[in-house]
C-alpha cells in the first residue's frame, strides 16, 4: 500500500504527515511525501532549495519501520493537479493533505489545491485541518 502526503511546510501539512505515519503503521504502508512547485518564472531557486532541505529533514526523521520516499516536483502544474497526476503515476492508495481555512469567497477566487485533489483524485483523500 502507498500513502501520498502533499507537503507544503504549513502546520496542516505537518499534521497530515503525522496522520500518514499512523496510517502507514496500521496498514503496513509506504509513504511518499511530495512538494509541488509550479516552476518557470513563478518558482525561485530559494524556494527549490528550501523545499529540498525540508524534504530531506522529513525523510531523516521518519521511523525506520516505515518506508519513506520524498520527491520535489516542478512540472509546470498547479500543486493540486500535480498531486493527483503523481498519485496516479505511482499507483497511490490514499492521499493525505492538509487544508487551510479560507472563506468561501477566497476559495472561489483563488481555487484550492485541496479542493482540486478531493474532486479529481481516483483514490481516497484524507484531509487534516
Protein backbone atom coordinates (compact mmCIF):
# COMPACT_ATOMS: atom_id res chain seq x y z
CA UNK A 1 0.00 0.00 0.00
CA UNK A 2 1.18 3.53 -0.80
CA UNK A 3 0.15 6.71 1.02
CA UNK A 4 0.98 10.08 -0.56
CA UNK A 5 1.33 13.24 1.52
CA UNK A 6 1.16 16.61 -0.23
CA UNK A 7 3.59 18.69 1.83
CA UNK A 8 3.98 22.48 1.69
CA UNK A 9 5.51 23.21 5.10
CA UNK A 10 2.28 24.53 6.64
CA UNK A 11 1.02 23.41 10.04
CA UNK A 12 -1.81 21.48 8.39
CA UNK A 13 0.74 19.71 6.16
CA UNK A 14 2.73 18.72 9.25
CA UNK A 15 -0.46 17.32 10.79
CA UNK A 16 -1.12 15.42 7.54
CA UNK A 17 2.37 13.93 7.76
CA UNK A 18 1.74 12.71 11.32
CA UNK A 19 -1.56 11.11 10.29
CA UNK A 20 0.12 9.44 7.31
CA UNK A 21 2.68 7.89 9.69
CA UNK A 22 -0.16 6.44 11.81
CA UNK A 23 -1.91 5.06 8.72
CA UNK A 24 1.37 3.62 7.42
CA UNK A 25 1.96 1.78 10.70
CA UNK A 26 -1.62 0.47 10.78
CA UNK A 27 -1.68 -0.66 7.15
CA UNK A 28 2.00 -1.60 6.73
CA UNK A 29 2.29 1.04 4.01
CA UNK A 30 4.98 3.05 2.25
CA UNK A 31 4.76 6.85 2.48
CA UNK A 32 5.52 9.19 -0.43
CA UNK A 33 6.00 12.80 0.66
CA UNK A 34 5.87 15.28 -2.20
CA UNK A 35 6.21 19.01 -2.54
CA UNK A 36 4.97 20.53 -5.78
CA UNK A 37 6.25 23.84 -7.08
CA UNK A 38 4.80 25.35 -10.24
CA UNK A 39 8.11 26.09 -11.92
CA UNK A 40 9.04 28.60 -14.61
CA UNK A 41 9.28 32.26 -13.63
CA UNK A 42 6.91 31.66 -10.70
CA UNK A 43 9.37 29.50 -8.73
CA UNK A 44 12.62 30.91 -7.37
CA UNK A 45 15.82 28.99 -6.64
CA UNK A 46 15.43 29.79 -2.92
CA UNK A 47 12.06 28.00 -2.86
CA UNK A 48 13.53 24.93 -4.56
CA UNK A 49 16.47 24.84 -2.12
CA UNK A 50 14.19 25.30 0.91
CA UNK A 51 11.78 22.57 -0.26
CA UNK A 52 14.67 20.18 -0.96
CA UNK A 53 16.09 20.74 2.55
CA UNK A 54 12.68 20.26 4.21
CA UNK A 55 12.05 17.00 2.34
CA UNK A 56 15.49 15.69 3.35
CA UNK A 57 14.74 16.51 7.01
CA UNK A 58 11.39 14.72 6.77
CA UNK A 59 12.98 11.59 5.30
CA UNK A 60 15.68 11.53 8.01
CA UNK A 61 13.08 11.97 10.78
CA UNK A 62 10.90 9.09 9.59
CA UNK A 63 10.91 5.95 11.72
CA UNK A 64 12.93 3.09 10.20
CA UNK A 65 9.85 0.85 10.39
CA UNK A 66 8.05 2.94 7.74
CA UNK A 67 9.46 3.10 4.20
CA UNK A 68 9.52 6.75 3.10
CA UNK A 69 10.34 8.39 -0.20
CA UNK A 70 10.41 12.14 -0.79
CA UNK A 71 10.15 13.97 -4.08
CA UNK A 72 10.18 17.58 -5.22
CA UNK A 73 8.01 18.06 -8.31
CA UNK A 74 8.49 21.05 -10.60
CA UNK A 75 6.39 20.10 -13.61
CA UNK A 76 4.57 23.29 -14.56
CA UNK A 77 1.26 22.27 -12.98
CA UNK A 78 -0.54 23.79 -10.04
CA UNK A 79 0.10 21.72 -6.88
CA UNK A 80 -3.40 20.20 -6.77
CA UNK A 81 -3.21 18.85 -10.32
CA UNK A 82 0.38 17.72 -9.79
CA UNK A 83 -0.52 15.72 -6.66
CA UNK A 84 -3.37 13.97 -8.47
CA UNK A 85 -1.21 13.18 -11.53
CA UNK A 86 1.70 11.89 -9.42
CA UNK A 87 -0.63 9.76 -7.30
CA UNK A 88 -1.99 8.10 -10.44
CA UNK A 89 1.51 7.60 -11.90
CA UNK A 90 2.69 5.92 -8.68
CA UNK A 91 -0.42 3.81 -8.02
CA UNK A 92 -1.11 5.52 -4.70
CA UNK A 93 -3.86 4.02 -2.49
CA UNK A 94 -4.52 7.06 -0.28
CA UNK A 95 -3.69 10.78 -0.34
CA UNK A 96 -3.35 12.75 2.90
CA UNK A 97 -3.37 16.55 2.62
CA UNK A 98 -3.67 19.48 4.95
CA UNK A 99 -6.39 22.02 4.32
CA UNK A 100 -6.08 25.69 5.14
CA UNK A 101 -9.02 27.56 6.50
CA UNK A 102 -10.19 30.01 3.89
CA UNK A 103 -13.51 31.75 3.35
CA UNK A 104 -15.92 30.51 0.67
CA UNK A 105 -15.23 33.68 -1.33
CA UNK A 106 -11.48 33.06 -1.05
CA UNK A 107 -11.88 29.53 -2.41
CA UNK A 108 -13.99 30.82 -5.31
CA UNK A 109 -11.47 33.50 -6.24
CA UNK A 110 -8.24 31.57 -5.77
CA UNK A 111 -9.33 27.97 -6.05
CA UNK A 112 -7.97 25.44 -3.64
CA UNK A 113 -5.30 22.81 -4.18
CA UNK A 114 -7.04 20.61 -1.62
CA UNK A 115 -10.36 21.05 -3.42
CA UNK A 116 -8.72 20.05 -6.71
CA UNK A 117 -7.23 16.91 -5.13
CA UNK A 118 -10.51 15.94 -3.44
CA UNK A 119 -12.50 16.30 -6.66
CA UNK A 120 -10.03 14.79 -9.15
CA UNK A 121 -8.20 12.05 -7.24
CA UNK A 122 -9.08 8.48 -8.16
CA UNK A 123 -8.21 7.19 -4.66
CA UNK A 124 -9.48 8.14 -1.18
CA UNK A 125 -8.34 11.54 0.10
CA UNK A 126 -7.99 12.25 3.82
CA UNK A 127 -7.90 15.90 4.82
CA UNK A 128 -6.41 17.35 8.01
CA UNK A 129 -7.05 20.85 9.38
